[in-house]
């Protein structure tokens, strides 16, 4: 608050908000009294609870209108609460229960109850200030408006922790969807440009060899030999593609063997240590594998390291992964090395990603994943 209050446009906006408090509060008070009393009074009948749920949904709209009025006249910005979760096929009763226990709607109802006596007070005091207490009107308007701001922030703002968590989950869901779509496009591109193109060339080569089989057996044999080489290359590409989707060694032998296989393909010597009491859930195991695989590819391409170390262990309810190398360092999340994508993927499953890579090295990447036990497949063979 400045030492000398001025009659500027901000003051007149505050005065407008205070004078409109009474009519707006009267509308909201009548609405919530009617809907809540009718819903509670008729709760012994079939229509009572649905009517109350509909009234609470309307209270949410009143809260949205109040937030918009506060933004326009009081200059405060309150984030909109998340909408009620809707599940397809959940049915009427789950929706009804969700609507009846909606904390945002009940806080809007409380706000409208409080607003009527406060609206009467602000209307009367502001009107007296306009007519009689003109010299001190700026101080009156600012004091009353600050109370209005506190009410809006206290009752109409989202629940900080819960809404933050919901927003994070919504963002993580978007990351998962985008990542899955990108992986599908990559697989489709690799199939189209690699194995499919080789198989098309193989089919054409075999067709030509068939035509020349009687006319020029030696040329046909050479073409068949060439086709045999194409088959080997196509099989190698399909094998690499299948390994990129989900390696068989990870499914059959677990994370230790799979990471050792990845380390053997790295251009620098890698020491792998996996200390897990049991195999984690398949999704966690897969994310851990692809995280280490991506990090070791970065070591091969960018680090100029002589050695690298991979450690995987369990600490409480977390799986910790640490990949370090003695290379040149200087890696960054925004450096185009795929680190940002790894951080997003880990964040989508409540994981953490920490990068320490000073210029000159060494580089240490620490990742955390939630520990989930592996479910035994019902189709697994049983001894007896």
Protein backbone atom coordinates (compact mmCIF):
# COMPACT_ATOMS: atom_id res chain seq x y z
CA UNK A 1 0.00 0.00 0.00
CA UNK A 2 1.43 3.40 -0.95
CA UNK A 3 1.70 6.25 1.53
CA UNK A 4 -0.80 8.30 -0.42
CA UNK A 5 -3.78 6.58 -1.95
CA UNK A 6 -4.91 7.97 -5.30
CA UNK A 7 -8.24 8.16 -7.06
CA UNK A 8 -7.14 6.05 -10.04
CA UNK A 9 -8.72 3.30 -12.09
CA UNK A 10 -7.62 0.62 -9.59
CA UNK A 11 -9.57 2.39 -6.86
CA UNK A 12 -12.70 2.57 -8.99
CA UNK A 13 -12.40 -1.10 -9.85
CA UNK A 14 -12.25 -1.91 -6.14
CA UNK A 15 -15.24 0.34 -5.45
CA UNK A 16 -17.18 -1.38 -8.24
CA UNK A 17 -16.37 -4.78 -6.76
CA UNK A 18 -17.49 -3.69 -3.29
CA UNK A 19 -20.75 -2.19 -4.55
CA UNK A 20 -21.60 -5.29 -6.57
CA UNK A 21 -20.85 -7.56 -3.61
CA UNK A 22 -24.40 -7.26 -2.28
CA UNK A 23 -26.42 -8.18 -5.42
CA UNK A 24 -23.99 -10.93 -6.40
CA UNK A 25 -23.92 -12.30 -2.84
CA UNK A 26 -27.71 -12.21 -2.67
CA UNK A 27 -28.00 -14.31 -5.83
CA UNK A 28 -25.44 -16.82 -4.58
CA UNK A 29 -26.97 -17.04 -1.10
CA UNK A 30 -30.47 -17.71 -2.43
CA UNK A 31 -29.12 -20.34 -4.82
CA UNK A 32 -27.16 -22.34 -2.24
CA UNK A 33 -29.90 -22.12 0.40
CA UNK A 34 -32.52 -23.42 -2.03
CA UNK A 35 -30.40 -26.20 -3.54
CA UNK A 36 -28.84 -27.42 -0.30
CA UNK A 37 -32.08 -27.29 1.70
CA UNK A 38 -34.09 -28.99 -1.05
CA UNK A 39 -31.40 -31.62 -1.63
CA UNK A 40 -30.98 -32.42 2.06
CA UNK A 41 -34.73 -32.23 2.76
CA UNK A 42 -35.56 -34.58 -0.11
CA UNK A 43 -32.64 -36.94 0.54
CA UNK A 44 -35.10 -39.56 1.79
CA UNK A 45 -36.59 -39.65 -1.70
CA UNK A 46 -35.09 -40.68 -5.02
CA UNK A 47 -34.51 -37.13 -6.28
CA UNK A 48 -32.91 -35.64 -3.16
CA UNK A 49 -29.27 -36.65 -3.55
CA UNK A 50 -29.15 -36.12 -7.35
CA UNK A 51 -30.65 -32.65 -6.79
CA UNK A 52 -28.00 -31.89 -4.17
CA UNK A 53 -25.25 -33.13 -6.54
CA UNK A 54 -26.59 -30.90 -9.31
CA UNK A 55 -26.72 -27.97 -6.88
CA UNK A 56 -23.09 -28.55 -5.92
CA UNK A 57 -22.13 -28.59 -9.60
CA UNK A 58 -23.86 -25.24 -9.96
CA UNK A 59 -21.96 -23.92 -6.93
CA UNK A 60 -18.77 -24.69 -8.82
CA UNK A 61 -19.99 -22.38 -11.61
CA UNK A 62 -20.73 -19.66 -9.06
CA UNK A 63 -17.17 -20.03 -7.77
CA UNK A 64 -15.84 -19.69 -11.31
CA UNK A 65 -17.84 -16.50 -11.81
CA UNK A 66 -16.52 -15.08 -8.53
CA UNK A 67 -12.94 -15.87 -9.53
CA UNK A 68 -13.49 -14.12 -12.85
CA UNK A 69 -14.96 -11.07 -11.09
CA UNK A 70 -11.99 -10.98 -8.71
CA UNK A 71 -9.55 -11.19 -11.63
CA UNK A 72 -11.26 -8.34 -13.46
CA UNK A 73 -11.82 -5.96 -10.54
CA UNK A 74 -9.40 -6.91 -7.77
CA UNK A 75 -6.42 -7.84 -9.92
CA UNK A 76 -5.79 -11.26 -8.37
CA UNK A 77 -5.43 -14.42 -10.37
CA UNK A 78 -6.67 -17.66 -8.85
CA UNK A 79 -6.10 -20.90 -10.73
CA UNK A 80 -9.18 -22.85 -11.69
CA UNK A 81 -9.66 -26.10 -9.76
CA UNK A 82 -9.47 -29.33 -11.69
CA UNK A 83 -12.80 -30.65 -13.00
CA UNK A 84 -14.42 -33.64 -11.40
CA UNK A 85 -12.87 -36.89 -12.67
CA UNK A 86 -15.08 -38.72 -15.13
CA UNK A 87 -14.61 -42.37 -15.95
CA UNK A 88 -16.28 -43.93 -18.93
CA UNK A 89 -18.72 -46.62 -18.00
CA UNK A 90 -18.41 -45.87 -14.28
CA UNK A 91 -22.17 -45.52 -13.93
CA UNK A 92 -24.50 -43.13 -12.15
CA UNK A 93 -23.73 -43.93 -8.51
CA UNK A 94 -19.94 -43.41 -8.71
CA UNK A 95 -20.61 -40.03 -10.34
CA UNK A 96 -23.15 -39.17 -7.63
CA UNK A 97 -20.73 -40.06 -4.82
CA UNK A 98 -17.91 -38.08 -6.44
CA UNK A 99 -20.15 -35.02 -6.83
CA UNK A 100 -21.45 -35.19 -3.25
CA UNK A 101 -17.97 -35.29 -1.70
CA UNK A 102 -16.50 -32.62 -3.99
CA UNK A 103 -14.46 -30.32 -1.65
CA UNK A 104 -14.30 -27.51 -4.22
CA UNK A 105 -18.09 -27.31 -4.46
CA UNK A 106 -18.58 -27.34 -0.68
CA UNK A 107 -16.07 -24.52 -0.24
CA UNK A 108 -18.01 -22.54 -2.84
CA UNK A 109 -21.18 -23.15 -0.83
CA UNK A 110 -19.47 -21.91 2.33
CA UNK A 111 -18.20 -18.87 0.44
CA UNK A 112 -21.74 -17.94 -0.70
CA UNK A 113 -23.08 -18.29 2.85
CA UNK A 114 -20.41 -15.97 4.20
CA UNK A 115 -20.74 -13.50 1.37
CA UNK A 116 -24.24 -12.20 2.17
CA UNK A 117 -23.52 -10.53 5.56
CA UNK A 118 -20.16 -9.35 4.27
CA UNK A 119 -21.78 -8.02 1.09
CA UNK A 120 -24.29 -6.01 3.14
CA UNK A 121 -21.43 -4.53 5.17
CA UNK A 122 -19.20 -3.67 2.19
CA UNK A 123 -22.11 -2.13 0.25
CA UNK A 124 -23.14 0.08 3.16
CA UNK A 125 -19.62 1.19 4.12
CA UNK A 126 -18.58 1.88 0.52
CA UNK A 127 -21.76 3.84 -0.16
CA UNK A 128 -21.17 5.97 2.95
CA UNK A 129 -17.57 6.49 1.84
CA UNK A 130 -18.72 7.68 -1.59
CA UNK A 131 -21.22 10.15 -0.14
CA UNK A 132 -19.77 11.28 3.21
CA UNK A 133 -16.22 10.01 3.76
CA UNK A 134 -14.87 11.02 0.37
CA UNK A 135 -11.31 11.96 1.50
CA UNK A 136 -10.68 8.54 3.08
CA UNK A 137 -12.49 6.49 0.43
CA UNK A 138 -9.24 5.03 -0.99
CA UNK A 139 -8.25 3.67 2.42
CA UNK A 140 -11.72 2.24 3.05
CA UNK A 141 -11.88 0.61 -0.39
CA UNK A 142 -8.40 -0.87 -0.08
CA UNK A 143 -9.06 -2.33 3.38
CA UNK A 144 -12.38 -3.90 2.39
CA UNK A 145 -10.96 -5.16 -0.90
CA UNK A 146 -8.09 -6.87 0.89
CA UNK A 147 -10.62 -8.81 2.95
CA UNK A 148 -12.38 -9.76 -0.28
CA UNK A 149 -9.09 -10.93 -1.73
CA UNK A 150 -8.42 -13.05 1.36
CA UNK A 151 -11.88 -14.66 1.11
CA UNK A 152 -11.39 -15.51 -2.57
CA UNK A 153 -7.93 -16.92 -1.97
CA UNK A 154 -8.98 -18.86 1.10
CA UNK A 155 -12.20 -20.43 -0.15
CA UNK A 156 -12.13 -20.35 -3.95
CA UNK A 157 -8.52 -21.27 -4.71
CA UNK A 158 -7.61 -24.90 -5.40
CA UNK A 159 -6.44 -27.17 -2.59
CA UNK A 160 -2.71 -26.62 -2.97
CA UNK A 161 -1.28 -30.09 -2.46
CA UNK A 162 -4.16 -32.06 -3.94
CA UNK A 163 -4.57 -29.83 -6.98
CA UNK A 164 -0.82 -29.76 -7.55
CA UNK A 165 -0.77 -33.54 -7.49
CA UNK A 166 -3.71 -33.75 -9.90
CA UNK A 167 -2.02 -31.32 -12.26
CA UNK A 168 1.19 -33.37 -12.10
CA UNK A 169 -0.68 -36.58 -12.88
CA UNK A 170 -2.49 -34.94 -15.80
CA UNK A 171 0.84 -33.68 -17.14
CA UNK A 172 2.47 -37.10 -16.61
CA UNK A 173 -0.39 -38.78 -18.46
CA UNK A 174 0.26 -36.49 -21.41
CA UNK A 175 3.97 -37.37 -21.32
CA UNK A 176 3.17 -41.09 -21.31
CA UNK A 177 0.78 -40.73 -24.25
CA UNK A 178 3.27 -38.64 -26.23
CA UNK A 179 6.09 -41.07 -25.49
CA UNK A 180 4.02 -44.07 -26.55
CA UNK A 181 3.01 -42.32 -29.78
CA UNK A 182 6.65 -41.42 -30.50
CA UNK A 183 7.73 -45.03 -29.89
CA UNK A 184 5.03 -46.32 -32.24
CA UNK A 185 6.12 -43.86 -34.94
CA UNK A 186 9.75 -44.94 -34.47
CA UNK A 187 8.85 -48.62 -34.78
CA UNK A 188 6.73 -47.94 -37.85
CA UNK A 189 9.53 -45.91 -39.44
CA UNK A 190 12.16 -48.55 -38.69
CA UNK A 191 9.97 -51.28 -40.14
CA UNK A 192 9.14 -49.26 -43.24
CA UNK A 193 12.63 -47.99 -43.97
CA UNK A 194 14.55 -51.06 -42.85
CA UNK A 195 13.21 -54.60 -42.79
CA UNK A 196 10.22 -53.93 -45.07
CA UNK A 197 12.38 -52.35 -47.76
CA UNK A 198 14.82 -55.28 -47.61
CA UNK A 199 12.00 -57.82 -47.83
CA UNK A 200 10.54 -56.03 -50.86
CA UNK A 201 13.98 -56.09 -52.53
CA UNK A 202 14.32 -59.77 -51.57
CA UNK A 203 10.96 -60.63 -53.16
CA UNK A 204 11.93 -58.83 -56.37
CA UNK A 205 15.33 -60.52 -56.44
CA UNK A 206 13.82 -63.98 -55.97
CA UNK A 207 11.29 -63.24 -58.71
CA UNK A 208 14.09 -62.34 -61.14
CA UNK A 209 16.07 -65.40 -60.09
CA UNK A 210 13.05 -67.59 -60.79
CA UNK A 211 12.78 -66.17 -64.30
CA UNK A 212 16.48 -66.75 -65.00
CA UNK A 213 16.59 -70.20 -63.43
CA UNK A 214 16.26 -72.01 -66.79
CA UNK A 215 17.88 -69.43 -69.04
CA UNK A 216 20.98 -68.65 -66.95
CA UNK A 217 21.41 -70.93 -63.92
CA UNK A 218 24.68 -69.29 -62.87
CA UNK A 219 23.13 -65.80 -62.78
CA UNK A 220 20.10 -67.21 -60.95
CA UNK A 221 22.39 -68.83 -58.36
CA UNK A 222 24.21 -65.52 -57.85
CA UNK A 223 20.89 -63.73 -57.37
CA UNK A 224 19.74 -66.37 -54.86
CA UNK A 225 23.02 -65.97 -53.00
CA UNK A 226 22.48 -62.20 -52.90
CA UNK A 227 18.92 -62.75 -51.68
CA UNK A 228 20.29 -64.99 -48.93
CA UNK A 229 22.46 -62.11 -47.75
CA UNK A 230 19.45 -59.78 -47.78
CA UNK A 231 17.55 -62.28 -45.63
CA UNK A 232 20.34 -62.25 -43.06
CA UNK A 233 20.38 -58.45 -42.97
CA UNK A 234 16.58 -58.29 -42.64
CA UNK A 235 16.66 -60.81 -39.78
CA UNK A 236 19.37 -58.78 -38.02
CA UNK A 237 17.32 -55.60 -38.37
CA UNK A 238 14.19 -57.32 -37.07
CA UNK A 239 16.20 -58.73 -34.17
CA UNK A 240 17.52 -55.28 -33.30
CA UNK A 241 14.04 -53.81 -33.57
CA UNK A 242 12.59 -56.50 -31.30
CA UNK A 243 15.41 -55.87 -28.81
CA UNK A 244 14.51 -52.18 -28.86
CA UNK A 245 10.85 -52.94 -28.09
CA UNK A 246 11.49 -55.41 -25.28
CA UNK A 247 14.59 -57.60 -25.24
CA UNK A 248 14.05 -61.31 -24.76
CA UNK A 249 16.96 -61.53 -22.32
CA UNK A 250 15.18 -59.06 -20.00
CA UNK A 251 12.06 -61.22 -19.96
CA UNK A 252 13.90 -64.49 -19.55
CA UNK A 253 16.83 -63.67 -17.28
CA UNK A 254 16.09 -60.34 -15.64
CA UNK A 255 17.74 -56.96 -15.29
CA UNK A 256 21.26 -58.12 -14.45
CA UNK A 257 21.71 -60.17 -17.61
CA UNK A 258 19.95 -57.60 -19.80
CA UNK A 259 22.12 -54.72 -18.57
CA UNK A 260 25.23 -56.83 -19.00
CA UNK A 261 24.22 -57.41 -22.62
CA UNK A 262 23.75 -53.67 -23.12
CA UNK A 263 27.11 -52.95 -21.48
CA UNK A 264 28.85 -55.41 -23.82
CA UNK A 265 27.72 -53.31 -26.80
CA UNK A 266 29.05 -50.06 -25.32
CA UNK A 267 32.22 -48.65 -26.87
CA UNK A 268 33.89 -48.27 -23.43
CA UNK A 269 34.37 -50.89 -20.71
CA UNK A 270 31.36 -50.90 -18.37
CA UNK A 271 31.10 -52.46 -14.91
CA UNK A 272 27.55 -53.52 -14.07
CA UNK A 273 26.34 -54.27 -10.53
CA UNK A 274 22.70 -55.15 -9.89
CA UNK A 275 21.76 -55.73 -6.23
CA UNK A 276 18.03 -56.44 -6.09
CA UNK A 277 16.47 -58.95 -3.69
CA UNK A 278 13.93 -59.96 -6.32
CA UNK A 279 12.74 -58.89 -9.74
CA UNK A 280 10.56 -55.75 -9.71
CA UNK A 281 7.34 -55.31 -11.66
CA UNK A 282 7.70 -55.70 -15.42
CA UNK A 283 6.97 -52.02 -16.11
CA UNK A 284 9.61 -50.83 -13.60
CA UNK A 285 12.11 -53.36 -14.91
CA UNK A 286 11.53 -52.21 -18.48
CA UNK A 287 11.91 -48.52 -17.62
CA UNK A 288 15.12 -49.24 -15.70
CA UNK A 289 16.51 -51.20 -18.66
CA UNK A 290 15.76 -48.53 -21.24
CA UNK A 291 17.05 -45.78 -18.95
CA UNK A 292 20.43 -47.48 -18.59
CA UNK A 293 20.47 -48.34 -22.29
CA UNK A 294 19.90 -44.71 -23.28
CA UNK A 295 22.51 -43.46 -20.81
CA UNK A 296 25.12 -45.92 -22.08
CA UNK A 297 24.40 -44.82 -25.64
CA UNK A 298 25.16 -41.28 -24.54
CA UNK A 299 28.40 -42.51 -22.98
CA UNK A 300 29.38 -44.12 -26.28
CA UNK A 301 28.47 -41.11 -28.43
CA UNK A 302 29.34 -38.04 -26.38
CA UNK A 303 31.41 -38.71 -23.27
CA UNK A 304 34.89 -39.66 -24.64
CA UNK A 305 35.16 -41.73 -21.47
CA UNK A 306 37.60 -44.56 -20.72
CA UNK A 307 35.35 -46.45 -18.28
CA UNK A 308 31.78 -46.40 -17.05
CA UNK A 309 29.98 -47.91 -14.06
CA UNK A 310 26.32 -48.96 -13.71
CA UNK A 311 24.85 -49.63 -10.26
CA UNK A 312 21.27 -50.72 -9.59
CA UNK A 313 20.01 -51.36 -6.07
CA UNK A 314 16.91 -51.12 -3.91
CA UNK A 315 16.56 -48.62 -1.06
CA UNK A 316 13.28 -48.95 0.81
CA UNK A 317 10.43 -48.54 -1.63
CA UNK A 318 12.65 -47.12 -4.41
CA UNK A 319 14.86 -48.59 -7.12
CA UNK A 320 18.01 -46.51 -7.55
CA UNK A 321 20.03 -46.43 -10.76
CA UNK A 322 23.38 -44.72 -11.04
CA UNK A 323 25.40 -44.48 -14.24
CA UNK A 324 28.76 -42.72 -14.07
CA UNK A 325 31.68 -42.25 -16.46
CA UNK A 326 35.06 -40.54 -16.40
CA UNK A 327 34.48 -38.63 -19.63
CA UNK A 328 34.60 -34.96 -20.54
CA UNK A 329 31.35 -33.99 -18.75
CA UNK A 330 29.30 -30.97 -19.72
CA UNK A 331 26.05 -32.92 -20.23
CA UNK A 332 22.84 -30.92 -19.76
CA UNK A 333 19.15 -31.66 -19.70
CA UNK A 334 18.65 -29.27 -22.62
CA UNK A 335 21.72 -30.37 -24.53
CA UNK A 336 19.95 -32.53 -27.10
CA UNK A 337 21.33 -35.81 -25.71
CA UNK A 338 17.94 -37.24 -24.74
CA UNK A 339 18.35 -36.44 -21.03
CA UNK A 340 15.19 -34.32 -20.96
CA UNK A 341 13.17 -37.17 -22.46
CA UNK A 342 14.51 -39.57 -19.84
CA UNK A 343 13.61 -37.14 -17.06
CA UNK A 344 10.05 -36.84 -18.43
CA UNK A 345 9.63 -40.60 -18.70
CA UNK A 346 10.81 -41.14 -15.15
CA UNK A 347 8.61 -38.32 -13.87
CA UNK A 348 5.60 -39.95 -15.51
CA UNK A 349 5.90 -42.92 -13.13
CA UNK A 350 6.75 -40.89 -9.99
CA UNK A 351 10.46 -41.27 -10.63
CA UNK A 352 13.31 -38.79 -10.21
CA UNK A 353 16.23 -37.88 -12.45
CA UNK A 354 19.36 -36.08 -11.26
CA UNK A 355 22.29 -35.10 -13.49
CA UNK A 356 25.72 -34.02 -12.25
CA UNK A 357 28.13 -33.31 -15.09
CA UNK A 358 30.62 -30.49 -14.55
CA UNK A 359 32.81 -29.40 -17.45
CA UNK A 360 35.78 -31.74 -17.61
CA UNK A 361 33.86 -34.56 -15.95
CA UNK A 362 33.07 -36.89 -14.44
CA UNK A 363 29.37 -37.38 -15.22
CA UNK A 364 27.00 -39.06 -12.76
CA UNK A 365 23.35 -39.68 -13.49
CA UNK A 366 21.11 -40.90 -10.67
CA UNK A 367 17.59 -42.11 -11.35
CA UNK A 368 14.92 -43.29 -8.94
CA UNK A 369 11.90 -45.44 -9.64
CA UNK A 370 9.14 -46.64 -7.31
CA UNK A 371 9.52 -50.25 -6.25
CA UNK A 372 6.61 -52.50 -7.13
CA UNK A 373 6.64 -56.22 -6.62
CA UNK A 374 6.37 -58.47 -9.61
CA UNK A 375 3.04 -60.23 -9.97
CA UNK A 376 3.19 -63.93 -10.64
CA UNK A 377 1.53 -64.71 -13.94
CA UNK A 378 -1.48 -66.97 -13.74
CA UNK A 379 -0.33 -68.65 -16.91
CA UNK A 380 3.02 -69.62 -15.41
CA UNK A 381 3.57 -73.37 -15.24
CA UNK A 382 3.06 -74.88 -11.83
CA UNK A 383 5.15 -77.61 -10.38
CA UNK A 384 3.60 -80.75 -8.97
